[in-house]
Amino acid sequence: MLKSRAFRIAVTVIISLVFLGFAVRGVDWNEALAAMARAQYLYCIPMLIGAVWQLYIRAQRWRILLQPIGTPSMKTLVAATNIGFMANFVLPLRAGEVIRPVLVSRQENQPLGGILATIVLERVFDIIAILTLFGITTAVLPVSETITRSGYGLLTVAGLIAGGALFIRWQEATALRLLRWALSPLPAKVSEPVEKFFSGFVQALRVLESPGEVLRIVAWSFFLWLMLSCVFGSAILAFHLDVPLVTASIALTVITAIAVSAPSAPGFIGSFQLGCIVGLGIFGVDKSDAIALSIVLHVTQFVGVVGAGIYSLARTGMSLRQVEEVAEADGEAA
């Protein structure tokens, strides 16, 4: 187990170093430092507020997703969200994705498997929201033909993901048969946990039975990513970049979100910088300006999220190491 964990950590660090290498290659650091010197750091205030506020929005949406399983208190959900996202910044292997549900399961005495499945469902709604948001934006605002085509392509992907979730929900038996067929060549120690997790995911999908609840989740998801786009837009304003603000803010948010979804070292180092450079590169922003923006934006996100996590840890009376140990024990048991 320790060797396996060490190997996975090593892989994520290597991936981050590769991303970081691509990000900094060709950067003129004198220009990057000059861009940071010119920046208006007053915009860091909305960037910090957004970093903390997005955690509360995520907790609100998570509460709706958990309704088929239970009704945890907002106090528990906010604390778990703050600590979990802080853990993603400071611990390897995205430990926060396990820490969050474990904390809720322990505090609210709810089954861990079903809560873990809602984390996947969160990601499904996130992907649908960001791809749809980018697709609609590129369709209605004046942008290049290449960006418009990309937007339509991402809209199609969002539709396919949504269709897949609906298929699993209303064709559970067929989906389970297909899963068992796909898992049949694998040993039981691999296939059984996957099948168990799939059952929890199906249970979480029962929230789709209520059109009203689905609309609430979709609304919170779009609100979340529009707010985060405002955070990225604040960074663009801080660096006086000559780009179409709305389109560039949303594109930068979407591409960076996709980049940090890849395996990486704690804090998304490397993947965050590469996402910013690619996102701004679409609009012709110089790489040196883009890396400068990514550093300032990344630091503000780190300060906001880790600060919220430390606050919640203090309120719960636990240390991060204690939380990690609990998550490891319960995660293996699940």
Foldseek 3Di string as FASTA:
>chain_A
DVVVVVVLQVVQAVVLVVLQCVLCVPADQVVLVVLLVQFDCVLLVLLLVLLLVLLLLVLVLLQLLCVLFHRFDSLQSSLLSLQQLLCLQPPAPSLSLLLSLLSRCVVVVTDSLLSSLVSVVLVLLLLLQLLQVLQVVLVPDDDDPVSNVSSVVSNVVSVVSVVVLVCCQVVVVVVLVVLCVVCVVPDCVPSVVVSSSSVSNNSSSCSVVDPVSVVVSNVSSNVSLVSQLVSQLSLCVRSVDPFDSNNLSSLLSSQLVVQLVDRHGRLSNSSNSSSQQVSVVSRVDDSSSSNSSSVSSSVSSSCSSNVSNVVSCVVVVHDSVVSSVSSVVVVVVD
